[in-house]
Amino acid sequence: MAERALRGTRLGATSYENDRNTDLAPRQEVTYDCPRGHRFSVTFATEAETPPNWECRFCGDNALMVNGQEPQEKKAKPARTHWDMLLERRSMEELEEVLAERLQLLRDRRREEREHMEAIAAQRKSA
């Protein structure tokens, strides 16, 4: 008989314990106000640190705690660009020198390619 009573009852998915003789942790309700006018409450344990802002469950905006302090903005460093990092490693004179070297290499390569193409054109013409 007991076997039939458990048949088809999703064992493991549902708890068959009751709430008798269990003490729940002390709780507190914290109320938040959304900038769009929504007001809702979230339940926290009394030992838990309550966050000053919480995502609104109605619209997803950042809601602030009622009677709470506005969270302070963290100071962020300005983003370092590639140019800033390059200037940390080299001076302007060194950069101008490197630029001149690379431009000369490009000019030499283009001159060699041009000469090579002229030589191929001359061979085709003579053949």
Protein backbone atom coordinates (compact mmCIF):
# COMPACT_ATOMS: atom_id res chain seq x y z
CA MET A 1 0.00 0.00 0.00
CA ALA A 2 2.78 2.43 0.87
CA GLU A 3 4.43 1.72 -2.45
CA ARG A 4 1.27 2.73 -4.32
CA ALA A 5 1.01 5.97 -2.35
CA LEU A 6 4.44 7.14 -3.57
CA ARG A 7 3.96 6.06 -7.17
CA GLY A 8 3.98 9.07 -9.53
CA THR A 9 4.73 11.68 -6.85
CA ARG A 10 7.98 13.19 -8.29
CA LEU A 11 10.27 11.94 -5.54
CA GLY A 12 13.05 14.41 -4.88
CA ALA A 13 11.25 17.33 -6.52
CA THR A 14 8.87 17.92 -3.64
CA SER A 15 9.69 17.94 0.05
CA TYR A 16 7.34 15.98 2.28
CA GLU A 17 8.58 17.64 5.46
CA ASN A 18 6.30 20.03 7.26
CA ASP A 19 7.25 23.35 8.87
CA ARG A 20 6.54 22.21 12.41
CA ASN A 21 9.37 22.61 14.93
CA THR A 22 11.47 24.78 12.58
CA ASP A 23 12.60 28.29 13.43
CA LEU A 24 13.06 30.66 10.54
CA ALA A 25 15.86 33.17 10.59
CA PRO A 26 14.81 36.63 11.78
CA ARG A 27 13.80 38.77 8.83
CA GLN A 28 13.31 42.39 7.93
CA GLU A 29 11.43 44.00 5.08
CA VAL A 30 13.11 46.84 3.23
CA THR A 31 11.06 49.15 1.02
CA TYR A 32 12.41 50.63 -2.21
CA ASP A 33 11.12 53.48 -4.37
CA CYS A 34 11.58 53.44 -8.12
CA PRO A 35 12.10 56.73 -10.03
CA ARG A 36 9.02 55.80 -12.10
CA GLY A 37 6.80 55.74 -8.99
CA HIS A 38 6.82 52.01 -8.20
CA ARG A 39 7.14 51.00 -4.53
CA PHE A 40 7.99 47.46 -3.47
CA SER A 41 9.46 45.54 -0.53
CA VAL A 42 12.24 42.97 -0.38
CA THR A 43 12.74 40.60 2.54
CA PHE A 44 16.26 40.22 3.97
CA ALA A 45 17.72 38.45 6.98
CA THR A 46 18.29 40.86 9.86
CA GLU A 47 22.04 40.06 9.83
CA ALA A 48 22.31 40.81 6.10
CA GLU A 49 23.64 44.13 4.91
CA THR A 50 20.83 45.82 2.99
CA PRO A 51 21.87 47.33 -0.34
CA PRO A 52 21.02 51.02 -0.85
CA ASN A 53 19.58 50.32 -4.31
CA TRP A 54 17.76 47.39 -5.87
CA GLU A 55 16.46 46.62 -9.35
CA CYS A 56 12.78 47.48 -9.63
CA ARG A 57 10.73 44.34 -10.10
CA PHE A 58 8.21 46.17 -12.28
CA CYS A 59 10.33 48.13 -14.77
CA GLY A 60 13.97 47.17 -14.11
CA ASP A 61 15.14 50.68 -13.15
CA ASN A 62 17.47 51.27 -10.21
CA ALA A 63 15.24 51.80 -7.15
CA LEU A 64 16.52 53.51 -3.98
CA MET A 65 15.84 52.43 -0.41
CA VAL A 66 13.17 54.45 1.39
CA ASN A 67 14.79 56.56 4.15
CA GLY A 68 18.16 55.43 2.90
CA GLN A 69 21.19 57.40 1.85
CA GLU A 70 22.01 57.98 -1.78
CA PRO A 71 24.88 55.67 -2.81
CA GLN A 72 28.12 57.54 -3.37
CA GLU A 73 29.60 57.47 -6.84
CA LYS A 74 32.98 55.79 -7.01
CA LYS A 75 35.78 57.82 -8.50
CA ALA A 76 36.83 56.22 -11.74
CA LYS A 77 40.15 56.70 -13.45
CA PRO A 78 39.96 58.16 -16.93
CA ALA A 79 40.50 55.54 -19.60
CA ARG A 80 44.06 55.26 -20.84
CA THR A 81 44.29 55.31 -24.60
CA HIS A 82 46.93 53.63 -26.75
CA TRP A 83 48.47 57.04 -27.32
CA ASP A 84 48.78 57.65 -23.56
CA MET A 85 50.51 54.32 -23.06
CA LEU A 86 52.83 55.01 -25.98
CA LEU A 87 53.81 58.38 -24.51
CA GLU A 88 54.63 56.64 -21.23
CA ARG A 89 57.19 54.46 -23.01
CA ARG A 90 58.73 56.92 -25.51
CA SER A 91 59.38 60.62 -25.87
CA MET A 92 58.12 62.67 -28.84
CA GLU A 93 61.64 62.80 -30.30
CA GLU A 94 61.90 59.01 -30.22
CA LEU A 95 58.48 58.68 -31.81
CA GLU A 96 59.40 61.07 -34.62
CA GLU A 97 62.60 59.10 -35.21
CA VAL A 98 60.73 55.78 -35.39
CA LEU A 99 58.16 57.34 -37.74
CA ALA A 100 60.90 58.60 -40.06
CA GLU A 101 62.51 55.12 -40.16
CA ARG A 102 59.22 53.40 -40.98
CA LEU A 103 58.36 55.95 -43.68
CA GLN A 104 61.77 55.42 -45.26
CA LEU A 105 61.23 51.64 -45.26
CA LEU A 106 57.85 52.10 -46.97
CA ARG A 107 59.32 54.43 -49.58
CA ASP A 108 62.17 51.98 -50.29
CA ARG A 109 59.75 49.05 -50.64
CA ARG A 110 57.51 51.01 -53.04
CA ARG A 111 60.55 52.08 -55.09
CA GLU A 112 61.71 48.44 -55.33
CA GLU A 113 58.23 47.30 -56.37
CA ARG A 114 58.03 50.03 -58.99
CA GLU A 115 61.47 49.06 -60.37
CA HIS A 116 60.48 45.40 -60.40
CA MET A 117 57.26 46.16 -62.31
CA GLU A 118 59.20 48.31 -64.83
CA ALA A 119 61.68 45.46 -65.34
CA ILE A 120 58.83 42.99 -66.00
CA ALA A 121 57.22 45.42 -68.45
CA ALA A 122 60.57 45.90 -70.26
CA GLN A 123 61.00 42.10 -70.58
CA ARG A 124 57.53 41.70 -72.02
CA LYS A 125 58.17 44.52 -74.45
CA SER A 126 61.46 43.02 -75.68
CA ALA A 127 60.01 39.53 -76.04
